[in-house]
């Protein structure tokens, strides 16, 4: 019995450490973003490097912010290395890179900067699991979009005063949201939160935050925090769902999401740190990246 216990303890410690890596990663990365905002690029890149050491699959934004740091430390070769690594992982094209041209064009020159932007960074074919998740995501979003488009583009436009029709269709939207919530719950339970880390091609997190009721959120809250631990769900997506659910329940917000208008209290700061959620200006830097 003693031998079994001694073997299990390291395994349990290992699993707990792994589970917490992504929250620690997010907290370190948030600190790095704040240091970039403060102009402390050498310190910032050390924080970000420490952060990505904790995880098995860094994000495009990790390499992007490392490239920004090294560009200000006058290191063009390593800047290019991290910039290309970021572009290869990006699911949003080159728009954000063009918007940040002043960070990079001065150290590369216009010709080389344009060559970096215009290179082919297309991905290979999705795996079977990725294809399955992408198909499920696409189906759920199409259902949602059809209902919303019909309501806002047709019924509200052509029948703005027909309260019975508007009410009936609002009920249909609510019922549709419940169906999508049930299907999303099944996907999360079987595979995990179907974000970019799992599907490998697209990040539709915010498409799934709309229409999730407070009842659904509170039922799934513990599971969603597990998905943050695993690196599948971004904490800033979670805090928006959480604060929206709090508002729907007439309760004060717990985090610092888009639906929270409170000042950042010590309690909110502590809640955010527990799940690696960014605060204040850094919250918006993370979203933009």
C-alpha atoms as a PDB file:
ATOM      1  CA  UNK A   1       0.000   0.000   0.000  1.00  0.00           C
ATOM      2  CA  UNK A   2       2.835   2.350   0.892  1.00  0.00           C
ATOM      3  CA  UNK A   3       4.431   1.886  -2.545  1.00  0.00           C
ATOM      4  CA  UNK A   4       1.142   2.684  -4.310  1.00  0.00           C
ATOM      5  CA  UNK A   5       0.736   5.890  -2.291  1.00  0.00           C
ATOM      6  CA  UNK A   6       4.281   7.022  -3.006  1.00  0.00           C
ATOM      7  CA  UNK A   7       3.711   6.467  -6.715  1.00  0.00           C
ATOM      8  CA  UNK A   8       0.398   8.314  -6.724  1.00  0.00           C
ATOM      9  CA  UNK A   9       1.611  11.449  -4.943  1.00  0.00           C
ATOM     10  CA  UNK A  10       4.008  12.570  -7.733  1.00  0.00           C
ATOM     11  CA  UNK A  11       1.277  11.860 -10.299  1.00  0.00           C
ATOM     12  CA  UNK A  12      -1.221  13.971  -8.393  1.00  0.00           C
ATOM     13  CA  UNK A  13       1.253  16.801  -7.926  1.00  0.00           C
ATOM     14  CA  UNK A  14       2.092  16.653 -11.625  1.00  0.00           C
ATOM     15  CA  UNK A  15      -1.554  16.812 -12.664  1.00  0.00           C
ATOM     16  CA  UNK A  16      -2.270  19.712 -10.289  1.00  0.00           C
ATOM     17  CA  UNK A  17       0.766  21.630 -11.537  1.00  0.00           C
ATOM     18  CA  UNK A  18      -0.214  21.053 -15.143  1.00  0.00           C
ATOM     19  CA  UNK A  19      -3.781  22.182 -14.446  1.00  0.00           C
ATOM     20  CA  UNK A  20      -2.586  25.463 -12.979  1.00  0.00           C
ATOM     21  CA  UNK A  21       0.020  26.186 -15.676  1.00  0.00           C
ATOM     22  CA  UNK A  22      -2.336  28.110 -17.917  1.00  0.00           C
ATOM     23  CA  UNK A  23      -3.620  30.373 -15.152  1.00  0.00           C
ATOM     24  CA  UNK A  24      -0.042  31.119 -14.114  1.00  0.00           C
ATOM     25  CA  UNK A  25       0.787  31.608 -17.799  1.00  0.00           C
ATOM     26  CA  UNK A  26      -2.001  34.161 -18.225  1.00  0.00           C
ATOM     27  CA  UNK A  27      -0.968  36.060 -15.098  1.00  0.00           C
ATOM     28  CA  UNK A  28       2.665  36.264 -16.224  1.00  0.00           C
ATOM     29  CA  UNK A  29       1.597  37.308 -19.708  1.00  0.00           C
ATOM     30  CA  UNK A  30      -0.643  40.042 -18.296  1.00  0.00           C
ATOM     31  CA  UNK A  31       2.328  41.338 -16.330  1.00  0.00           C
ATOM     32  CA  UNK A  32       4.371  41.295 -19.533  1.00  0.00           C
ATOM     33  CA  UNK A  33       1.687  43.287 -21.375  1.00  0.00           C
ATOM     34  CA  UNK A  34       1.685  45.873 -18.586  1.00  0.00           C
ATOM     35  CA  UNK A  35       5.470  46.191 -18.864  1.00  0.00           C
ATOM     36  CA  UNK A  36       5.151  46.711 -22.640  1.00  0.00           C
ATOM     37  CA  UNK A  37       2.600  49.427 -21.932  1.00  0.00           C
ATOM     38  CA  UNK A  38       5.091  50.992 -19.503  1.00  0.00           C
ATOM     39  CA  UNK A  39       7.890  50.852 -22.095  1.00  0.00           C
ATOM     40  CA  UNK A  40       9.965  48.308 -20.131  1.00  0.00           C
ATOM     41  CA  UNK A  41      10.640  45.972 -23.048  1.00  0.00           C
ATOM     42  CA  UNK A  42      13.562  43.969 -21.612  1.00  0.00           C
ATOM     43  CA  UNK A  43      11.551  43.114 -18.493  1.00  0.00           C
ATOM     44  CA  UNK A  44       8.433  42.452 -20.576  1.00  0.00           C
ATOM     45  CA  UNK A  45      10.073  39.882 -22.836  1.00  0.00           C
ATOM     46  CA  UNK A  46      11.433  38.017 -19.808  1.00  0.00           C
ATOM     47  CA  UNK A  47       7.917  37.789 -18.343  1.00  0.00           C
ATOM     48  CA  UNK A  48       6.496  36.562 -21.644  1.00  0.00           C
ATOM     49  CA  UNK A  49       9.283  34.016 -22.102  1.00  0.00           C
ATOM     50  CA  UNK A  50       8.615  32.735 -18.569  1.00  0.00           C
ATOM     51  CA  UNK A  51       4.915  32.523 -19.436  1.00  0.00           C
ATOM     52  CA  UNK A  52       5.319  30.468 -22.607  1.00  0.00           C
ATOM     53  CA  UNK A  53       7.695  28.082 -20.832  1.00  0.00           C
ATOM     54  CA  UNK A  54       4.691  26.968 -18.791  1.00  0.00           C
ATOM     55  CA  UNK A  55       2.529  25.824 -21.689  1.00  0.00           C
ATOM     56  CA  UNK A  56       2.800  23.313 -24.478  1.00  0.00           C
ATOM     57  CA  UNK A  57       1.189  25.485 -27.151  1.00  0.00           C
ATOM     58  CA  UNK A  58       1.886  29.256 -27.081  1.00  0.00           C
ATOM     59  CA  UNK A  59      -0.547  31.577 -28.843  1.00  0.00           C
ATOM     60  CA  UNK A  60       0.080  33.839 -31.809  1.00  0.00           C
ATOM     61  CA  UNK A  61      -0.202  36.825 -29.464  1.00  0.00           C
ATOM     62  CA  UNK A  62       2.669  35.480 -27.332  1.00  0.00           C
ATOM     63  CA  UNK A  63       5.093  35.561 -30.227  1.00  0.00           C
ATOM     64  CA  UNK A  64       3.632  38.834 -31.502  1.00  0.00           C
ATOM     65  CA  UNK A  65       4.359  40.596 -28.218  1.00  0.00           C
ATOM     66  CA  UNK A  66       7.839  39.075 -28.040  1.00  0.00           C
ATOM     67  CA  UNK A  67       8.458  40.474 -31.524  1.00  0.00           C
ATOM     68  CA  UNK A  68       7.286  43.900 -30.323  1.00  0.00           C
ATOM     69  CA  UNK A  69       9.699  43.728 -27.375  1.00  0.00           C
ATOM     70  CA  UNK A  70      12.687  42.694 -29.469  1.00  0.00           C
ATOM     71  CA  UNK A  71      11.890  45.342 -32.093  1.00  0.00           C
ATOM     72  CA  UNK A  72      12.374  47.979 -29.406  1.00  0.00           C
ATOM     73  CA  UNK A  73      15.549  46.281 -28.180  1.00  0.00           C
ATOM     74  CA  UNK A  74      17.094  46.667 -31.672  1.00  0.00           C
ATOM     75  CA  UNK A  75      17.287  42.927 -32.392  1.00  0.00           C
ATOM     76  CA  UNK A  76      15.957  42.539 -35.970  1.00  0.00           C
ATOM     77  CA  UNK A  77      16.796  38.850 -36.462  1.00  0.00           C
ATOM     78  CA  UNK A  78      15.000  37.575 -33.369  1.00  0.00           C
ATOM     79  CA  UNK A  79      12.177  40.064 -34.014  1.00  0.00           C
ATOM     80  CA  UNK A  80      11.675  38.488 -37.443  1.00  0.00           C
ATOM     81  CA  UNK A  81      11.790  34.987 -35.949  1.00  0.00           C
ATOM     82  CA  UNK A  82       8.988  35.669 -33.466  1.00  0.00           C
ATOM     83  CA  UNK A  83       6.997  37.727 -35.957  1.00  0.00           C
ATOM     84  CA  UNK A  84       6.900  34.856 -38.464  1.00  0.00           C
ATOM     85  CA  UNK A  85       6.062  32.387 -35.664  1.00  0.00           C
ATOM     86  CA  UNK A  86       3.134  34.633 -34.758  1.00  0.00           C
ATOM     87  CA  UNK A  87       1.932  34.956 -38.363  1.00  0.00           C
ATOM     88  CA  UNK A  88       1.980  31.176 -38.808  1.00  0.00           C
ATOM     89  CA  UNK A  89      -0.337  30.747 -35.806  1.00  0.00           C
ATOM     90  CA  UNK A  90      -2.619  33.690 -36.517  1.00  0.00           C
ATOM     91  CA  UNK A  91      -6.244  33.031 -37.427  1.00  0.00           C
ATOM     92  CA  UNK A  92      -7.005  36.675 -38.297  1.00  0.00           C
ATOM     93  CA  UNK A  93      -4.785  37.508 -41.244  1.00  0.00           C
ATOM     94  CA  UNK A  94      -2.338  40.410 -41.213  1.00  0.00           C
ATOM     95  CA  UNK A  95      -4.603  43.280 -40.157  1.00  0.00           C
ATOM     96  CA  UNK A  96      -3.205  43.638 -36.639  1.00  0.00           C
ATOM     97  CA  UNK A  97       0.361  43.449 -37.969  1.00  0.00           C
ATOM     98  CA  UNK A  98      -0.295  46.262 -40.442  1.00  0.00           C
ATOM     99  CA  UNK A  99      -1.844  48.313 -37.624  1.00  0.00           C
ATOM    100  CA  UNK A 100       1.398  47.859 -35.670  1.00  0.00           C
ATOM    101  CA  UNK A 101       3.691  48.685 -38.603  1.00  0.00           C
ATOM    102  CA  UNK A 102       5.456  51.434 -36.654  1.00  0.00           C
ATOM    103  CA  UNK A 103       6.864  48.762 -34.361  1.00  0.00           C
ATOM    104  CA  UNK A 104       8.440  46.795 -37.205  1.00  0.00           C
ATOM    105  CA  UNK A 105       8.870  48.695 -40.464  1.00  0.00           C
ATOM    106  CA  UNK A 106      11.594  51.033 -39.067  1.00  0.00           C
ATOM    107  CA  UNK A 107      13.848  48.085 -38.175  1.00  0.00           C
ATOM    108  CA  UNK A 108      13.199  46.021 -41.325  1.00  0.00           C
ATOM    109  CA  UNK A 109      12.752  48.705 -43.967  1.00  0.00           C
ATOM    110  CA  UNK A 110       9.617  49.011 -46.105  1.00  0.00           C
ATOM    111  CA  UNK A 111      10.562  46.362 -48.687  1.00  0.00           C
ATOM    112  CA  UNK A 112      11.365  43.600 -46.202  1.00  0.00           C
ATOM    113  CA  UNK A 113       8.386  44.480 -43.998  1.00  0.00           C
ATOM    114  CA  UNK A 114       6.020  44.119 -46.959  1.00  0.00           C
ATOM    115  CA  UNK A 115       7.680  40.828 -47.905  1.00  0.00           C
ATOM    116  CA  UNK A 116       7.057  39.476 -44.388  1.00  0.00           C
ATOM    117  CA  UNK A 117       3.407  40.553 -44.534  1.00  0.00           C
ATOM    118  CA  UNK A 118       2.812  39.129 -48.001  1.00  0.00           C
ATOM    119  CA  UNK A 119       4.385  35.699 -47.475  1.00  0.00           C
ATOM    120  CA  UNK A 120       2.149  32.618 -47.522  1.00  0.00           C
ATOM    121  CA  UNK A 121       1.358  31.473 -43.977  1.00  0.00           C
ATOM    122  CA  UNK A 122      -1.544  29.196 -44.890  1.00  0.00           C
ATOM    123  CA  UNK A 123      -2.218  26.191 -42.684  1.00  0.00           C
ATOM    124  CA  UNK A 124      -2.339  22.537 -43.653  1.00  0.00           C
ATOM    125  CA  UNK A 125      -5.458  20.393 -43.664  1.00  0.00           C
ATOM    126  CA  UNK A 126      -7.349  20.061 -40.349  1.00  0.00           C
ATOM    127  CA  UNK A 127      -7.128  16.817 -38.408  1.00  0.00           C
ATOM    128  CA  UNK A 128     -10.238  14.648 -38.048  1.00  0.00           C
ATOM    129  CA  UNK A 129     -10.979  16.156 -34.633  1.00  0.00           C
ATOM    130  CA  UNK A 130     -10.437  19.703 -35.891  1.00  0.00           C
ATOM    131  CA  UNK A 131     -12.707  19.077 -38.885  1.00  0.00           C
ATOM    132  CA  UNK A 132     -15.403  17.662 -36.602  1.00  0.00           C
ATOM    133  CA  UNK A 133     -15.236  20.652 -34.250  1.00  0.00           C
ATOM    134  CA  UNK A 134     -15.224  23.149 -37.118  1.00  0.00           C
ATOM    135  CA  UNK A 135     -18.322  21.527 -38.616  1.00  0.00           C
ATOM    136  CA  UNK A 136     -20.127  21.610 -35.258  1.00  0.00           C
ATOM    137  CA  UNK A 137     -19.138  25.259 -34.686  1.00  0.00           C
ATOM    138  CA  UNK A 138     -20.248  26.225 -38.173  1.00  0.00           C
ATOM    139  CA  UNK A 139     -23.635  24.541 -37.743  1.00  0.00           C
ATOM    140  CA  UNK A 140     -24.338  26.245 -34.402  1.00  0.00           C
ATOM    141  CA  UNK A 141     -23.328  29.679 -35.693  1.00  0.00           C
ATOM    142  CA  UNK A 142     -25.442  29.339 -38.845  1.00  0.00           C
ATOM    143  CA  UNK A 143     -28.518  28.524 -36.748  1.00  0.00           C
ATOM    144  CA  UNK A 144     -27.886  31.532 -34.532  1.00  0.00           C
ATOM    145  CA  UNK A 145     -27.205  33.900 -37.441  1.00  0.00           C
ATOM    146  CA  UNK A 146     -30.370  32.870 -39.321  1.00  0.00           C
ATOM    147  CA  UNK A 147     -32.595  33.634 -36.350  1.00  0.00           C
ATOM    148  CA  UNK A 148     -30.868  36.947 -35.554  1.00  0.00           C
ATOM    149  CA  UNK A 149     -30.806  38.098 -39.175  1.00  0.00           C
ATOM    150  CA  UNK A 150     -34.487  37.424 -39.699  1.00  0.00           C
ATOM    151  CA  UNK A 151     -35.408  39.256 -36.489  1.00  0.00           C
ATOM    152  CA  UNK A 152     -33.266  42.387 -36.878  1.00  0.00           C
ATOM    153  CA  UNK A 153     -33.205  42.701 -40.691  1.00  0.00           C
ATOM    154  CA  UNK A 154     -36.817  41.781 -41.441  1.00  0.00           C
ATOM    155  CA  UNK A 155     -39.248  41.670 -38.546  1.00  0.00           C
ATOM    156  CA  UNK A 156     -38.008  44.782 -36.721  1.00  0.00           C
ATOM    157  CA  UNK A 157     -37.704  46.685 -40.005  1.00  0.00           C
ATOM    158  CA  UNK A 158     -41.058  45.783 -41.586  1.00  0.00           C
ATOM    159  CA  UNK A 159     -43.171  45.146 -38.471  1.00  0.00           C
ATOM    160  CA  UNK A 160     -41.736  47.489 -35.809  1.00  0.00           C
ATOM    161  CA  UNK A 161     -45.074  47.994 -34.036  1.00  0.00           C
ATOM    162  CA  UNK A 162     -46.383  44.440 -34.140  1.00  0.00           C
ATOM    163  CA  UNK A 163     -45.734  43.547 -30.498  1.00  0.00           C
ATOM    164  CA  UNK A 164     -47.253  40.075 -30.836  1.00  0.00           C
ATOM    165  CA  UNK A 165     -45.001  39.157 -33.757  1.00  0.00           C
ATOM    166  CA  UNK A 166     -41.928  40.712 -32.117  1.00  0.00           C
ATOM    167  CA  UNK A 167     -42.658  38.891 -28.865  1.00  0.00           C
ATOM    168  CA  UNK A 168     -43.266  35.574 -30.598  1.00  0.00           C
ATOM    169  CA  UNK A 169     -40.005  35.799 -32.494  1.00  0.00           C
ATOM    170  CA  UNK A 170     -38.099  36.858 -29.388  1.00  0.00           C
ATOM    171  CA  UNK A 171     -39.416  33.647 -27.806  1.00  0.00           C
ATOM    172  CA  UNK A 172     -38.106  31.743 -30.820  1.00  0.00           C
ATOM    173  CA  UNK A 173     -34.664  33.345 -30.396  1.00  0.00           C
ATOM    174  CA  UNK A 174     -34.679  32.401 -26.705  1.00  0.00           C
ATOM    175  CA  UNK A 175     -35.593  28.810 -27.572  1.00  0.00           C
ATOM    176  CA  UNK A 176     -32.863  28.724 -30.229  1.00  0.00           C
ATOM    177  CA  UNK A 177     -30.318  30.019 -27.687  1.00  0.00           C
ATOM    178  CA  UNK A 178     -31.296  27.201 -25.343  1.00  0.00           C
ATOM    179  CA  UNK A 179     -30.767  24.636 -28.113  1.00  0.00           C
ATOM    180  CA  UNK A 180     -27.344  26.112 -28.953  1.00  0.00           C
ATOM    181  CA  UNK A 181     -26.451  26.183 -25.237  1.00  0.00           C
ATOM    182  CA  UNK A 182     -27.349  22.502 -24.885  1.00  0.00           C
ATOM    183  CA  UNK A 183     -25.272  21.543 -27.929  1.00  0.00           C
ATOM    184  CA  UNK A 184     -22.351  23.696 -26.749  1.00  0.00           C
ATOM    185  CA  UNK A 185     -22.509  21.984 -23.360  1.00  0.00           C
ATOM    186  CA  UNK A 186     -22.283  18.585 -25.072  1.00  0.00           C
ATOM    187  CA  UNK A 187     -19.242  19.710 -27.103  1.00  0.00           C
ATOM    188  CA  UNK A 188     -17.499  21.098 -24.007  1.00  0.00           C
ATOM    189  CA  UNK A 189     -18.200  17.924 -22.012  1.00  0.00           C
ATOM    190  CA  UNK A 190     -16.934  15.604 -24.757  1.00  0.00           C
ATOM    191  CA  UNK A 191     -14.058  17.591 -26.278  1.00  0.00           C
ATOM    192  CA  UNK A 192     -13.489  20.815 -24.303  1.00  0.00           C
ATOM    193  CA  UNK A 193     -14.211  24.446 -25.149  1.00  0.00           C
ATOM    194  CA  UNK A 194     -14.044  24.493 -28.984  1.00  0.00           C
ATOM    195  CA  UNK A 195     -11.750  27.518 -29.296  1.00  0.00           C
ATOM    196  CA  UNK A 196      -8.635  28.004 -31.375  1.00  0.00           C
ATOM    197  CA  UNK A 197      -6.420  25.706 -29.298  1.00  0.00           C
ATOM    198  CA  UNK A 198      -8.661  22.708 -30.050  1.00  0.00           C
ATOM    199  CA  UNK A 199      -9.965  23.484 -33.531  1.00  0.00           C
ATOM    200  CA  UNK A 200      -6.681  24.976 -34.782  1.00  0.00           C
ATOM    201  CA  UNK A 201      -8.236  27.337 -37.310  1.00  0.00           C
ATOM    202  CA  UNK A 202     -10.702  29.850 -35.916  1.00  0.00           C
ATOM    203  CA  UNK A 203     -11.486  31.580 -32.643  1.00  0.00           C
ATOM    204  CA  UNK A 204     -15.245  32.035 -32.345  1.00  0.00           C
ATOM    205  CA  UNK A 205     -15.318  32.421 -28.551  1.00  0.00           C
ATOM    206  CA  UNK A 206     -17.359  35.610 -28.585  1.00  0.00           C
ATOM    207  CA  UNK A 207     -19.950  34.148 -30.912  1.00  0.00           C
ATOM    208  CA  UNK A 208     -20.763  31.681 -28.152  1.00  0.00           C
ATOM    209  CA  UNK A 209     -20.891  34.175 -25.274  1.00  0.00           C
ATOM    210  CA  UNK A 210     -24.050  35.817 -26.662  1.00  0.00           C
ATOM    211  CA  UNK A 211     -27.244  34.006 -25.733  1.00  0.00           C
ATOM    212  CA  UNK A 212     -25.846  32.004 -22.838  1.00  0.00           C
ATOM    213  CA  UNK A 213     -28.200  32.492 -19.924  1.00  0.00           C
ATOM    214  CA  UNK A 214     -27.173  33.030 -16.307  1.00  0.00           C
ATOM    215  CA  UNK A 215     -28.685  29.635 -15.492  1.00  0.00           C
ATOM    216  CA  UNK A 216     -26.480  27.962 -18.143  1.00  0.00           C
ATOM    217  CA  UNK A 217     -23.380  29.845 -17.010  1.00  0.00           C
ATOM    218  CA  UNK A 218     -23.737  28.959 -13.329  1.00  0.00           C
ATOM    219  CA  UNK A 219     -24.344  25.330 -14.248  1.00  0.00           C
ATOM    220  CA  UNK A 220     -21.169  25.304 -16.388  1.00  0.00           C
ATOM    221  CA  UNK A 221     -19.014  27.699 -14.326  1.00  0.00           C
ATOM    222  CA  UNK A 222     -16.756  25.090 -12.701  1.00  0.00           C
ATOM    223  CA  UNK A 223     -16.304  23.268 -16.008  1.00  0.00           C
ATOM    224  CA  UNK A 224     -15.461  26.517 -17.800  1.00  0.00           C
ATOM    225  CA  UNK A 225     -12.773  27.296 -15.208  1.00  0.00           C
ATOM    226  CA  UNK A 226     -11.352  23.823 -15.876  1.00  0.00           C
ATOM    227  CA  UNK A 227     -11.209  24.758 -19.562  1.00  0.00           C
ATOM    228  CA  UNK A 228      -9.193  27.873 -18.648  1.00  0.00           C
ATOM    229  CA  UNK A 229      -6.837  25.610 -16.658  1.00  0.00           C
ATOM    230  CA  UNK A 230      -6.409  23.422 -19.741  1.00  0.00           C
ATOM    231  CA  UNK A 231      -5.731  26.387 -22.018  1.00  0.00           C
ATOM    232  CA  UNK A 232      -8.843  25.862 -24.148  1.00  0.00           C
ATOM    233  CA  UNK A 233     -10.808  28.926 -22.997  1.00  0.00           C
ATOM    234  CA  UNK A 234      -9.434  32.449 -22.767  1.00  0.00           C
ATOM    235  CA  UNK A 235     -10.092  33.973 -19.314  1.00  0.00           C
ATOM    236  CA  UNK A 236     -11.301  37.281 -20.794  1.00  0.00           C
ATOM    237  CA  UNK A 237     -14.069  35.370 -22.584  1.00  0.00           C
ATOM    238  CA  UNK A 238     -15.039  33.738 -19.293  1.00  0.00           C
ATOM    239  CA  UNK A 239     -15.194  37.028 -17.366  1.00  0.00           C
ATOM    240  CA  UNK A 240     -17.577  38.529 -19.923  1.00  0.00           C
ATOM    241  CA  UNK A 241     -19.924  35.555 -19.563  1.00  0.00           C
ATOM    242  CA  UNK A 242     -19.587  35.697 -15.772  1.00  0.00           C
ATOM    243  CA  UNK A 243     -20.309  39.423 -15.436  1.00  0.00           C
ATOM    244  CA  UNK A 244     -23.210  39.204 -17.886  1.00  0.00           C
ATOM    245  CA  UNK A 245     -24.692  36.365 -15.788  1.00  0.00           C
ATOM    246  CA  UNK A 246     -24.203  38.439 -12.617  1.00  0.00           C
ATOM    247  CA  UNK A 247     -26.011  41.369 -14.233  1.00  0.00           C
ATOM    248  CA  UNK A 248     -28.856  39.140 -15.411  1.00  0.00           C
ATOM    249  CA  UNK A 249     -29.170  37.890 -11.826  1.00  0.00           C
ATOM    250  CA  UNK A 250     -29.122  41.481 -10.460  1.00  0.00           C
ATOM    251  CA  UNK A 251     -25.808  40.803  -8.705  1.00  0.00           C
ATOM    252  CA  UNK A 252     -22.603  42.904  -8.743  1.00  0.00           C
ATOM    253  CA  UNK A 253     -19.922  41.837 -11.227  1.00  0.00           C
ATOM    254  CA  UNK A 254     -17.126  39.608  -9.948  1.00  0.00           C
ATOM    255  CA  UNK A 255     -14.502  40.312 -12.605  1.00  0.00           C
ATOM    256  CA  UNK A 256     -13.571  43.116 -14.974  1.00  0.00           C
ATOM    257  CA  UNK A 257     -15.353  42.167 -18.183  1.00  0.00           C
ATOM    258  CA  UNK A 258     -17.058  44.289 -20.804  1.00  0.00           C
ATOM    259  CA  UNK A 259     -20.282  44.154 -18.774  1.00  0.00           C
ATOM    260  CA  UNK A 260     -18.692  45.479 -15.572  1.00  0.00           C
ATOM    261  CA  UNK A 261     -18.752  49.210 -14.906  1.00  0.00           C
ATOM    262  CA  UNK A 262     -17.376  49.040 -11.373  1.00  0.00           C
ATOM    263  CA  UNK A 263     -13.986  50.289 -10.281  1.00  0.00           C
ATOM    264  CA  UNK A 264     -11.365  47.582  -9.864  1.00  0.00           C
ATOM    265  CA  UNK A 265     -11.760  46.603  -6.222  1.00  0.00           C
ATOM    266  CA  UNK A 266      -9.356  44.321  -4.311  1.00  0.00           C
ATOM    267  CA  UNK A 267     -11.991  41.566  -4.586  1.00  0.00           C
ATOM    268  CA  UNK A 268     -12.257  41.948  -8.385  1.00  0.00           C
ATOM    269  CA  UNK A 269      -8.462  42.021  -8.642  1.00  0.00           C
ATOM    270  CA  UNK A 270      -8.200  38.783  -6.634  1.00  0.00           C
ATOM    271  CA  UNK A 271     -10.963  37.078  -8.636  1.00  0.00           C
ATOM    272  CA  UNK A 272      -9.225  37.968 -11.896  1.00  0.00           C
ATOM    273  CA  UNK A 273      -5.876  36.702 -10.673  1.00  0.00           C
ATOM    274  CA  UNK A 274      -7.408  33.333  -9.746  1.00  0.00           C
ATOM    275  CA  UNK A 275      -8.253  32.694 -13.403  1.00  0.00           C
ATOM    276  CA  UNK A 276      -5.522  34.751 -15.116  1.00  0.00           C
ATOM    277  CA  UNK A 277      -7.871  37.473 -16.373  1.00  0.00           C
ATOM    278  CA  UNK A 278      -6.305  40.815 -17.361  1.00  0.00           C
ATOM    279  CA  UNK A 279      -7.200  44.095 -15.677  1.00  0.00           C
ATOM    280  CA  UNK A 280      -7.804  47.633 -16.894  1.00  0.00           C
ATOM    281  CA  UNK A 281      -5.961  48.758 -20.023  1.00  0.00           C
ATOM    282  CA  UNK A 282      -4.246  45.371 -20.340  1.00  0.00           C
ATOM    283  CA  UNK A 283      -7.636  43.749 -20.816  1.00  0.00           C
ATOM    284  CA  UNK A 284      -8.054  45.673 -24.057  1.00  0.00           C
ATOM    285  CA  UNK A 285      -4.473  45.040 -25.192  1.00  0.00           C
ATOM    286  CA  UNK A 286      -5.115  41.304 -24.872  1.00  0.00           C
ATOM    287  CA  UNK A 287      -8.355  41.563 -26.845  1.00  0.00           C
ATOM    288  CA  UNK A 288      -6.801  43.595 -29.656  1.00  0.00           C
ATOM    289  CA  UNK A 289      -3.940  41.135 -29.946  1.00  0.00           C
END
